[in-house]
């Protein structure tokens, strides 16, 4: 969901309504952990509202990729994601050379969490 050309409205092949339909099916199956597009805060807020209306506030956890190379802003997404969310920043770390560089980037990224 974070890459360009995923949804039809972005030139992709997936119907714009598909993510919400998929989330609703997952909710009906008892899922409470969801991956949302971290580089699209407006979508994160939309889906958070869906999860709160269906599951209740505090009864789900969000995981969000789409930061760094895909342009997402951890602070911006954090403001709309709620209290129970995790930023996925794997490539920002594993593309670093050396432990000290990884530590430096990790410290920088965690400072963006509000």
Protein backbone atom coordinates (compact mmCIF):
# COMPACT_ATOMS: atom_id res chain seq x y z
CA UNK A 1 0.00 0.00 0.00
CA UNK A 2 2.93 2.37 0.41
CA UNK A 3 4.36 2.20 -3.09
CA UNK A 4 3.26 4.34 -6.02
CA UNK A 5 0.84 2.65 -8.38
CA UNK A 6 -0.80 0.37 -5.82
CA UNK A 7 -4.38 1.71 -5.87
CA UNK A 8 -6.30 2.48 -9.06
CA UNK A 9 -6.43 6.18 -8.16
CA UNK A 10 -2.60 6.16 -8.19
CA UNK A 11 -2.41 4.34 -11.52
CA UNK A 12 -2.36 0.87 -9.99
CA UNK A 13 -4.49 -2.23 -10.32
CA UNK A 14 -6.01 -2.56 -6.84
CA UNK A 15 -9.48 -1.07 -6.36
CA UNK A 16 -9.44 1.90 -3.98
CA UNK A 17 -12.11 0.18 -1.87
CA UNK A 18 -10.11 -3.07 -1.52
CA UNK A 19 -8.02 -2.22 1.58
CA UNK A 20 -11.07 -1.34 3.65
CA UNK A 21 -12.89 -4.47 2.49
CA UNK A 22 -9.83 -6.57 3.38
CA UNK A 23 -9.60 -4.92 6.82
CA UNK A 24 -13.29 -5.61 7.47
CA UNK A 25 -12.84 -9.29 6.58
CA UNK A 26 -9.80 -9.44 8.87
CA UNK A 27 -11.77 -7.84 11.72
CA UNK A 28 -14.55 -10.40 11.24
CA UNK A 29 -11.89 -13.13 11.52
CA UNK A 30 -10.62 -11.76 14.84
CA UNK A 31 -7.52 -9.94 13.61
CA UNK A 32 -6.41 -7.04 15.83
CA UNK A 33 -3.00 -6.16 14.34
CA UNK A 34 -2.97 -4.26 11.06
CA UNK A 35 -0.39 -2.91 8.62
CA UNK A 36 -1.26 0.59 7.37
CA UNK A 37 0.58 2.88 4.91
CA UNK A 38 2.86 5.08 7.01
CA UNK A 39 3.52 7.47 4.15
CA UNK A 40 -0.21 8.24 3.86
CA UNK A 41 -1.31 9.76 7.19
CA UNK A 42 -4.78 10.54 5.83
CA UNK A 43 -5.28 6.82 5.13
CA UNK A 44 -3.90 5.87 8.55
CA UNK A 45 -6.48 8.15 10.18
CA UNK A 46 -9.27 6.70 8.03
CA UNK A 47 -8.33 3.13 8.92
CA UNK A 48 -7.78 3.97 12.59
CA UNK A 49 -11.32 5.37 12.70
CA UNK A 50 -12.59 2.14 11.10
CA UNK A 51 -10.76 -0.02 13.65
CA UNK A 52 -11.99 2.10 16.56
CA UNK A 53 -15.59 1.91 15.34
CA UNK A 54 -15.40 -1.87 14.84
CA UNK A 55 -13.07 -2.96 17.64
CA UNK A 56 -13.09 -0.08 20.11
CA UNK A 57 -10.29 2.29 21.02
CA UNK A 58 -7.23 0.54 22.39
CA UNK A 59 -8.23 -2.89 21.06
CA UNK A 60 -5.92 -3.00 18.03
CA UNK A 61 -2.33 -2.28 17.05
CA UNK A 62 -1.06 -0.61 13.90
CA UNK A 63 2.23 -1.28 12.07
CA UNK A 64 3.32 1.20 9.44
CA UNK A 65 5.97 0.93 6.71
CA UNK A 66 6.57 3.60 4.08
CA UNK A 67 9.03 5.84 5.85
CA UNK A 68 12.43 7.15 4.77
CA UNK A 69 12.83 6.04 1.12
CA UNK A 70 9.05 6.19 0.47
CA UNK A 71 8.70 9.64 1.97
CA UNK A 72 6.63 8.99 5.07
CA UNK A 73 7.18 11.10 8.16
CA UNK A 74 7.19 9.21 11.46
CA UNK A 75 6.01 12.21 13.50
CA UNK A 76 3.17 13.02 11.10
CA UNK A 77 1.90 9.45 11.02
CA UNK A 78 2.31 9.12 14.78
CA UNK A 79 -0.04 12.05 15.34
CA UNK A 80 -2.90 10.23 13.59
CA UNK A 81 -2.04 6.59 14.39
CA UNK A 82 -2.95 6.70 18.08
CA UNK A 83 -1.14 5.25 21.06
CA UNK A 84 -0.66 1.68 19.87
CA UNK A 85 1.41 1.77 16.68
CA UNK A 86 4.85 0.83 15.44
CA UNK A 87 6.90 2.44 12.69
CA UNK A 88 8.59 -0.11 10.43
CA UNK A 89 11.98 1.24 9.37
CA UNK A 90 13.86 -1.93 8.45
CA UNK A 91 15.58 -0.84 5.26
CA UNK A 92 16.69 2.45 6.83
CA UNK A 93 18.67 0.34 9.29
CA UNK A 94 19.79 -2.72 7.38
CA UNK A 95 21.12 -0.60 4.51
CA UNK A 96 23.59 1.04 6.90
CA UNK A 97 27.20 -0.11 7.04
CA UNK A 98 28.50 -0.78 10.51
CA UNK A 99 26.99 -0.92 13.97
CA UNK A 100 27.66 2.76 14.74
CA UNK A 101 25.85 3.93 11.61
CA UNK A 102 22.88 1.72 12.48
CA UNK A 103 22.84 3.13 16.02
CA UNK A 104 23.02 6.71 14.71
CA UNK A 105 20.12 6.20 12.27
CA UNK A 106 18.05 4.35 14.90
CA UNK A 107 18.58 7.20 17.38
CA UNK A 108 17.61 9.75 14.74
CA UNK A 109 14.47 7.83 13.78
CA UNK A 110 13.31 7.26 17.34
CA UNK A 111 13.66 10.98 18.04
CA UNK A 112 10.85 11.51 15.52
CA UNK A 113 8.36 9.53 17.59
CA UNK A 114 5.99 11.86 19.38
